[in-house]
Amino acid sequence: MKKYCVLLSGCGHRDGSEINEAVFSLLSLSQHGIEFDIFAPDEEQYDTLNHLNGEEINPKRNILEESARIARGDIRSLAGFDVNNYDALILPGGYGALKNFTNFPAENNAWIVKSDIASLILSFYDAKKPIGAICIFPSILAILFKDRKVRVTTGLNPESKKLIDFTQAEIVLVDSDEIVLDENSLIISTPAFMNDASLAKVYSGINKLVKQIQSMVK
């Protein structure tokens, strides 16, 4: 039986994983009969925000504990992760992915992906296992692979390209019910809420991403 890894960055689009994107990913995997384990790093998140008014809340919260809200407690710490147990990687978005998984806020395009997250992603990349990136996560991949010409989407708005215009990434502008396939890197991406999109469109794109990965997993 094939099994996928799903990486979360907290709970809530302002400071963690975008909840709809995370749930849609898990729903699609379940609908297609794909087993999965959910992971998150056991560390403090960059900030914690009131999702009603955007104001910061203290004290800060733990990424693993917050992600457990989405996973209904069935979640694992990223420490000790072994890529040999998994066939593909799913990366839901949310602004928290950028905040918690990089050196946010980077200055002068000096972006760096944190070492534990970079190691996880590179373990799949080096093993030639598919990586599905949703919403802002394609930009994080472009940062990680800044010296390689990965092909990803950042949505329809040309402004969304600015975050990663210093990389060698080929940026494709598509709607939220579409995916972009990089056959060389085995990266599949969909913009989700990078666009002003309906839940139906976002789910359609994520479901297409999961189906594309399923067709690639050997």
C-alpha atoms as a PDB file:
ATOM      1  CA  MET A   1       0.000   0.000   0.000  1.00  0.00           C
ATOM      2  CA  LYS A   2       1.320   3.420  -0.970  1.00  0.00           C
ATOM      3  CA  LYS A   3       1.632   6.036   1.763  1.00  0.00           C
ATOM      4  CA  TYR A   4       2.124   9.795   1.526  1.00  0.00           C
ATOM      5  CA  CYS A   5       3.560  12.345   3.929  1.00  0.00           C
ATOM      6  CA  VAL A   6       1.544  15.515   4.607  1.00  0.00           C
ATOM      7  CA  LEU A   7       3.432  18.424   6.212  1.00  0.00           C
ATOM      8  CA  LEU A   8       1.545  21.033   8.241  1.00  0.00           C
ATOM      9  CA  SER A   9       2.754  24.379   9.578  1.00  0.00           C
ATOM     10  CA  GLY A  10       0.142  25.090  12.249  1.00  0.00           C
ATOM     11  CA  CYS A  11      -3.581  25.847  12.172  1.00  0.00           C
ATOM     12  CA  GLY A  12      -4.947  28.888  10.367  1.00  0.00           C
ATOM     13  CA  HIS A  13      -3.914  30.701   7.210  1.00  0.00           C
ATOM     14  CA  ARG A  14      -2.449  33.776   8.934  1.00  0.00           C
ATOM     15  CA  ASP A  15       0.106  31.941  11.087  1.00  0.00           C
ATOM     16  CA  GLY A  16      -0.059  28.264  10.119  1.00  0.00           C
ATOM     17  CA  SER A  17      -1.500  25.921   7.505  1.00  0.00           C
ATOM     18  CA  GLU A  18      -4.530  27.087   5.522  1.00  0.00           C
ATOM     19  CA  ILE A  19      -7.185  24.849   7.047  1.00  0.00           C
ATOM     20  CA  ASN A  20      -9.285  24.324   3.918  1.00  0.00           C
ATOM     21  CA  GLU A  21      -6.220  23.411   1.862  1.00  0.00           C
ATOM     22  CA  ALA A  22      -5.049  20.964   4.514  1.00  0.00           C
ATOM     23  CA  VAL A  23      -8.473  19.327   4.894  1.00  0.00           C
ATOM     24  CA  PHE A  24      -9.031  19.207   1.122  1.00  0.00           C
ATOM     25  CA  SER A  25      -5.661  17.457   0.755  1.00  0.00           C
ATOM     26  CA  LEU A  26      -6.578  14.852   3.357  1.00  0.00           C
ATOM     27  CA  LEU A  27     -10.065  14.429   1.884  1.00  0.00           C
ATOM     28  CA  SER A  28      -8.715  13.865  -1.616  1.00  0.00           C
ATOM     29  CA  LEU A  29      -6.146  11.362  -0.382  1.00  0.00           C
ATOM     30  CA  SER A  30      -8.871   9.491   1.488  1.00  0.00           C
ATOM     31  CA  GLN A  31     -11.214   9.507  -1.513  1.00  0.00           C
ATOM     32  CA  HIS A  32      -8.485   7.986  -3.667  1.00  0.00           C
ATOM     33  CA  GLY A  33      -7.692   5.305  -1.102  1.00  0.00           C
ATOM     34  CA  ILE A  34      -4.243   6.673  -0.308  1.00  0.00           C
ATOM     35  CA  GLU A  35      -2.813   6.192   3.172  1.00  0.00           C
ATOM     36  CA  PHE A  36      -1.006   9.109   4.749  1.00  0.00           C
ATOM     37  CA  ASP A  37       0.769  10.279   7.873  1.00  0.00           C
ATOM     38  CA  ILE A  38       0.710  13.905   8.996  1.00  0.00           C
ATOM     39  CA  PHE A  39       3.854  15.606  10.274  1.00  0.00           C
ATOM     40  CA  ALA A  40       4.838  18.968  11.727  1.00  0.00           C
ATOM     41  CA  PRO A  41       7.955  20.313  13.428  1.00  0.00           C
ATOM     42  CA  ASP A  42       7.846  20.398  17.228  1.00  0.00           C
ATOM     43  CA  GLU A  43       8.846  24.037  17.684  1.00  0.00           C
ATOM     44  CA  GLU A  44       7.424  27.476  18.393  1.00  0.00           C
ATOM     45  CA  GLN A  45       5.729  29.195  15.474  1.00  0.00           C
ATOM     46  CA  TYR A  46       6.847  32.608  14.223  1.00  0.00           C
ATOM     47  CA  ASP A  47       3.797  34.394  15.609  1.00  0.00           C
ATOM     48  CA  THR A  48       0.230  33.717  16.692  1.00  0.00           C
ATOM     49  CA  LEU A  49      -2.530  35.920  15.304  1.00  0.00           C
ATOM     50  CA  ASN A  50      -6.162  36.584  16.047  1.00  0.00           C
ATOM     51  CA  HIS A  51      -7.775  35.462  12.799  1.00  0.00           C
ATOM     52  CA  LEU A  52     -10.684  37.843  13.289  1.00  0.00           C
ATOM     53  CA  ASN A  53      -8.725  41.100  13.499  1.00  0.00           C
ATOM     54  CA  GLY A  54      -5.147  40.156  12.610  1.00  0.00           C
ATOM     55  CA  GLU A  55      -3.729  41.246  15.967  1.00  0.00           C
ATOM     56  CA  GLU A  56      -0.882  39.291  17.549  1.00  0.00           C
ATOM     57  CA  ILE A  57      -1.640  37.034  20.494  1.00  0.00           C
ATOM     58  CA  ASN A  58       0.785  36.102  23.254  1.00  0.00           C
ATOM     59  CA  PRO A  59       2.206  33.717  24.134  1.00  0.00           C
ATOM     60  CA  LYS A  60       3.228  32.109  20.836  1.00  0.00           C
ATOM     61  CA  ARG A  61       2.035  28.588  20.118  1.00  0.00           C
ATOM     62  CA  ASN A  62       3.717  25.321  19.106  1.00  0.00           C
ATOM     63  CA  ILE A  63       3.533  24.273  15.431  1.00  0.00           C
ATOM     64  CA  LEU A  64       3.035  20.575  16.191  1.00  0.00           C
ATOM     65  CA  GLU A  65       0.355  21.227  18.812  1.00  0.00           C
ATOM     66  CA  GLU A  66      -1.516  23.634  16.532  1.00  0.00           C
ATOM     67  CA  SER A  67      -1.290  21.249  13.562  1.00  0.00           C
ATOM     68  CA  ALA A  68      -2.753  18.526  15.764  1.00  0.00           C
ATOM     69  CA  ARG A  69      -6.033  20.493  15.707  1.00  0.00           C
ATOM     70  CA  ILE A  70      -6.384  19.703  11.990  1.00  0.00           C
ATOM     71  CA  ALA A  71      -5.039  16.164  12.327  1.00  0.00           C
ATOM     72  CA  ARG A  72      -7.422  15.384  15.213  1.00  0.00           C
ATOM     73  CA  GLY A  73      -4.347  14.519  17.281  1.00  0.00           C
ATOM     74  CA  ASP A  74      -3.096  11.878  14.844  1.00  0.00           C
ATOM     75  CA  ILE A  75       0.179  13.589  13.972  1.00  0.00           C
ATOM     76  CA  ARG A  76       3.898  12.960  14.244  1.00  0.00           C
ATOM     77  CA  SER A  77       6.895  15.127  15.033  1.00  0.00           C
ATOM     78  CA  LEU A  78       9.205  15.762  12.127  1.00  0.00           C
ATOM     79  CA  ALA A  79      12.160  14.559  14.186  1.00  0.00           C
ATOM     80  CA  GLY A  80      13.290  11.139  13.002  1.00  0.00           C
ATOM     81  CA  PHE A  81      11.346  11.265   9.731  1.00  0.00           C
ATOM     82  CA  ASP A  82      12.377   8.533   7.265  1.00  0.00           C
ATOM     83  CA  VAL A  83      11.598   9.138   3.587  1.00  0.00           C
ATOM     84  CA  ASN A  84      11.897   5.412   2.885  1.00  0.00           C
ATOM     85  CA  ASN A  85       8.483   4.936   4.496  1.00  0.00           C
ATOM     86  CA  TYR A  86       6.702   7.270   2.064  1.00  0.00           C
ATOM     87  CA  ASP A  87       6.023   7.552  -1.657  1.00  0.00           C
ATOM     88  CA  ALA A  88       5.099  11.228  -2.055  1.00  0.00           C
ATOM     89  CA  LEU A  89       4.982  14.526  -0.180  1.00  0.00           C
ATOM     90  CA  ILE A  90       1.982  16.880   0.092  1.00  0.00           C
ATOM     91  CA  LEU A  91       2.586  20.490   1.177  1.00  0.00           C
ATOM     92  CA  PRO A  92      -0.540  22.542   1.989  1.00  0.00           C
ATOM     93  CA  GLY A  93      -0.065  26.302   2.033  1.00  0.00           C
ATOM     94  CA  GLY A  94      -0.993  29.130   4.346  1.00  0.00           C
ATOM     95  CA  TYR A  95       1.077  32.169   5.282  1.00  0.00           C
ATOM     96  CA  GLY A  96       2.362  30.196   8.254  1.00  0.00           C
ATOM     97  CA  ALA A  97       4.306  27.943   5.917  1.00  0.00           C
ATOM     98  CA  LEU A  98       6.376  30.937   4.815  1.00  0.00           C
ATOM     99  CA  LYS A  99       6.644  32.310   8.356  1.00  0.00           C
ATOM    100  CA  ASN A 100       7.454  29.042  10.104  1.00  0.00           C
ATOM    101  CA  PHE A 101       9.506  27.231   7.466  1.00  0.00           C
ATOM    102  CA  THR A 102      11.820  30.051   6.273  1.00  0.00           C
ATOM    103  CA  ASN A 103      13.880  32.861   7.781  1.00  0.00           C
ATOM    104  CA  PHE A 104      10.874  35.195   7.478  1.00  0.00           C
ATOM    105  CA  PRO A 105      11.007  38.146   7.187  1.00  0.00           C
ATOM    106  CA  ALA A 106      14.029  37.938   4.916  1.00  0.00           C
ATOM    107  CA  GLU A 107      15.644  41.129   3.652  1.00  0.00           C
ATOM    108  CA  ASN A 108      17.163  41.775   0.226  1.00  0.00           C
ATOM    109  CA  ASN A 109      15.887  38.413  -1.086  1.00  0.00           C
ATOM    110  CA  ALA A 110      18.132  36.554   1.354  1.00  0.00           C
ATOM    111  CA  TRP A 111      15.537  33.812   1.759  1.00  0.00           C
ATOM    112  CA  ILE A 112      16.527  30.497   3.347  1.00  0.00           C
ATOM    113  CA  VAL A 113      14.384  27.429   4.006  1.00  0.00           C
ATOM    114  CA  LYS A 114      14.921  26.105   7.534  1.00  0.00           C
ATOM    115  CA  SER A 115      17.197  23.096   7.694  1.00  0.00           C
ATOM    116  CA  ASP A 116      14.674  20.519   8.941  1.00  0.00           C
ATOM    117  CA  ILE A 117      12.130  21.483   6.284  1.00  0.00           C
ATOM    118  CA  ALA A 118      14.785  21.630   3.578  1.00  0.00           C
ATOM    119  CA  SER A 119      16.031  18.160   4.573  1.00  0.00           C
ATOM    120  CA  LEU A 120      12.508  16.732   4.380  1.00  0.00           C
ATOM    121  CA  ILE A 121      11.811  18.176   0.934  1.00  0.00           C
ATOM    122  CA  LEU A 122      15.252  17.283  -0.428  1.00  0.00           C
ATOM    123  CA  SER A 123      14.858  13.698   0.780  1.00  0.00           C
ATOM    124  CA  PHE A 124      11.866  13.305  -1.558  1.00  0.00           C
ATOM    125  CA  TYR A 125      13.507  15.266  -4.368  1.00  0.00           C
ATOM    126  CA  ASP A 126      16.718  13.207  -4.222  1.00  0.00           C
ATOM    127  CA  ALA A 127      14.711   9.970  -4.093  1.00  0.00           C
ATOM    128  CA  LYS A 128      12.757  11.092  -7.183  1.00  0.00           C
ATOM    129  CA  LYS A 129       9.457  10.935  -5.345  1.00  0.00           C
ATOM    130  CA  PRO A 130       6.656  13.379  -6.288  1.00  0.00           C
ATOM    131  CA  ILE A 131       6.161  16.600  -4.322  1.00  0.00           C
ATOM    132  CA  GLY A 132       2.779  18.347  -4.338  1.00  0.00           C
ATOM    133  CA  ALA A 133       2.913  22.039  -3.404  1.00  0.00           C
ATOM    134  CA  ILE A 134      -0.193  24.127  -2.705  1.00  0.00           C
ATOM    135  CA  CYS A 135      -0.790  27.888  -2.460  1.00  0.00           C
ATOM    136  CA  ILE A 136       2.367  29.673  -1.204  1.00  0.00           C
ATOM    137  CA  PHE A 137       4.388  26.448  -0.913  1.00  0.00           C
ATOM    138  CA  PRO A 138       5.495  26.520  -4.586  1.00  0.00           C
ATOM    139  CA  SER A 139       7.286  29.771  -3.734  1.00  0.00           C
ATOM    140  CA  ILE A 140       9.039  28.062  -0.824  1.00  0.00           C
ATOM    141  CA  LEU A 141      10.193  25.332  -3.217  1.00  0.00           C
ATOM    142  CA  ALA A 142      11.464  27.989  -5.620  1.00  0.00           C
ATOM    143  CA  ILE A 143      13.468  29.490  -2.746  1.00  0.00           C
ATOM    144  CA  LEU A 144      14.893  26.094  -1.795  1.00  0.00           C
ATOM    145  CA  PHE A 145      15.790  25.301  -5.412  1.00  0.00           C
ATOM    146  CA  LYS A 146      16.704  28.890  -6.307  1.00  0.00           C
ATOM    147  CA  ASP A 147      19.636  27.828  -8.483  1.00  0.00           C
ATOM    148  CA  ARG A 148      17.607  25.249 -10.432  1.00  0.00           C
ATOM    149  CA  LYS A 149      14.904  25.881 -12.979  1.00  0.00           C
ATOM    150  CA  VAL A 150      11.899  24.375 -11.229  1.00  0.00           C
ATOM    151  CA  ARG A 151       8.499  24.993 -12.813  1.00  0.00           C
ATOM    152  CA  VAL A 152       5.776  26.162 -10.416  1.00  0.00           C
ATOM    153  CA  THR A 153       2.664  28.320 -10.187  1.00  0.00           C
ATOM    154  CA  THR A 154       2.031  31.276  -7.895  1.00  0.00           C
ATOM    155  CA  GLY A 155      -1.523  31.959  -9.065  1.00  0.00           C
ATOM    156  CA  LEU A 156      -2.919  34.430 -11.581  1.00  0.00           C
ATOM    157  CA  ASN A 157      -1.674  37.714 -10.130  1.00  0.00           C
ATOM    158  CA  PRO A 158       1.673  38.821 -11.613  1.00  0.00           C
ATOM    159  CA  GLU A 159       2.412  40.471  -8.230  1.00  0.00           C
ATOM    160  CA  SER A 160       2.633  37.000  -6.709  1.00  0.00           C
ATOM    161  CA  LYS A 161       5.814  36.382  -8.704  1.00  0.00           C
ATOM    162  CA  LYS A 162       7.755  39.087  -6.876  1.00  0.00           C
ATOM    163  CA  LEU A 163       8.584  36.948  -3.854  1.00  0.00           C
ATOM    164  CA  ILE A 164      10.621  34.563  -5.987  1.00  0.00           C
ATOM    165  CA  ASP A 165      11.676  36.658  -8.966  1.00  0.00           C
ATOM    166  CA  PHE A 166      15.300  36.335  -7.789  1.00  0.00           C
ATOM    167  CA  THR A 167      15.203  32.571  -8.370  1.00  0.00           C
ATOM    168  CA  GLN A 168      15.615  30.657 -11.608  1.00  0.00           C
ATOM    169  CA  ALA A 169      12.112  29.223 -11.295  1.00  0.00           C
ATOM    170  CA  GLU A 170       9.805  29.173 -14.293  1.00  0.00           C
ATOM    171  CA  ILE A 171       6.626  30.738 -12.919  1.00  0.00           C
ATOM    172  CA  VAL A 172       3.335  29.785 -14.570  1.00  0.00           C
ATOM    173  CA  LEU A 173       0.196  31.825 -13.880  1.00  0.00           C
ATOM    174  CA  VAL A 174      -2.886  29.575 -13.659  1.00  0.00           C
ATOM    175  CA  ASP A 175      -6.293  29.492 -12.001  1.00  0.00           C
ATOM    176  CA  SER A 176      -6.999  27.621  -8.777  1.00  0.00           C
ATOM    177  CA  ASP A 177      -8.654  24.641 -10.451  1.00  0.00           C
ATOM    178  CA  GLU A 178      -5.503  23.961 -12.463  1.00  0.00           C
ATOM    179  CA  ILE A 179      -2.127  22.361 -11.753  1.00  0.00           C
ATOM    180  CA  VAL A 180       1.377  22.857 -13.090  1.00  0.00           C
ATOM    181  CA  LEU A 181       3.620  19.832 -13.594  1.00  0.00           C
ATOM    182  CA  ASP A 182       7.408  19.972 -13.566  1.00  0.00           C
ATOM    183  CA  GLU A 183       8.280  16.625 -15.094  1.00  0.00           C
ATOM    184  CA  ASN A 184      12.003  17.008 -14.421  1.00  0.00           C
ATOM    185  CA  SER A 185      11.713  17.791 -10.710  1.00  0.00           C
ATOM    186  CA  LEU A 186       8.499  15.776 -10.116  1.00  0.00           C
ATOM    187  CA  ILE A 187       6.939  18.871  -8.548  1.00  0.00           C
ATOM    188  CA  ILE A 188       3.203  19.420  -8.976  1.00  0.00           C
ATOM    189  CA  SER A 189       1.714  22.728  -7.847  1.00  0.00           C
ATOM    190  CA  THR A 190      -1.665  24.426  -7.646  1.00  0.00           C
ATOM    191  CA  PRO A 191      -2.373  28.015  -6.529  1.00  0.00           C
ATOM    192  CA  ALA A 192      -5.414  27.465  -4.266  1.00  0.00           C
ATOM    193  CA  PHE A 193      -6.005  30.670  -2.268  1.00  0.00           C
ATOM    194  CA  MET A 194      -3.195  32.566  -3.950  1.00  0.00           C
ATOM    195  CA  ASN A 195      -6.155  33.512  -6.145  1.00  0.00           C
ATOM    196  CA  ASP A 196      -9.480  34.899  -4.982  1.00  0.00           C
ATOM    197  CA  ALA A 197     -11.101  31.515  -5.551  1.00  0.00           C
ATOM    198  CA  SER A 198     -14.132  29.573  -4.399  1.00  0.00           C
ATOM    199  CA  LEU A 199     -13.827  26.524  -2.175  1.00  0.00           C
ATOM    200  CA  ALA A 200     -14.966  24.404  -5.126  1.00  0.00           C
ATOM    201  CA  LYS A 201     -12.169  25.676  -7.361  1.00  0.00           C
ATOM    202  CA  VAL A 202      -9.548  25.204  -4.659  1.00  0.00           C
ATOM    203  CA  TYR A 203     -10.688  21.639  -4.018  1.00  0.00           C
ATOM    204  CA  SER A 204     -10.713  20.892  -7.745  1.00  0.00           C
ATOM    205  CA  GLY A 205      -7.087  21.992  -8.062  1.00  0.00           C
ATOM    206  CA  ILE A 206      -5.959  20.043  -5.020  1.00  0.00           C
ATOM    207  CA  ASN A 207      -7.817  16.938  -6.179  1.00  0.00           C
ATOM    208  CA  LYS A 208      -6.148  17.200  -9.596  1.00  0.00           C
ATOM    209  CA  LEU A 209      -2.784  17.521  -7.844  1.00  0.00           C
ATOM    210  CA  VAL A 210      -3.415  14.368  -5.805  1.00  0.00           C
ATOM    211  CA  LYS A 211      -4.600  12.447  -8.875  1.00  0.00           C
ATOM    212  CA  GLN A 212      -1.526  13.556 -10.829  1.00  0.00           C
ATOM    213  CA  ILE A 213       0.768  12.390  -8.047  1.00  0.00           C
ATOM    214  CA  GLN A 214      -1.107   9.092  -7.833  1.00  0.00           C
ATOM    215  CA  SER A 215      -0.436   8.514 -11.525  1.00  0.00           C
ATOM    216  CA  MET A 216       3.292   9.132 -10.956  1.00  0.00           C
ATOM    217  CA  VAL A 217       3.845   6.999  -7.871  1.00  0.00           C
ATOM    218  CA  LYS A 218       5.277   3.648  -8.868  1.00  0.00           C
END
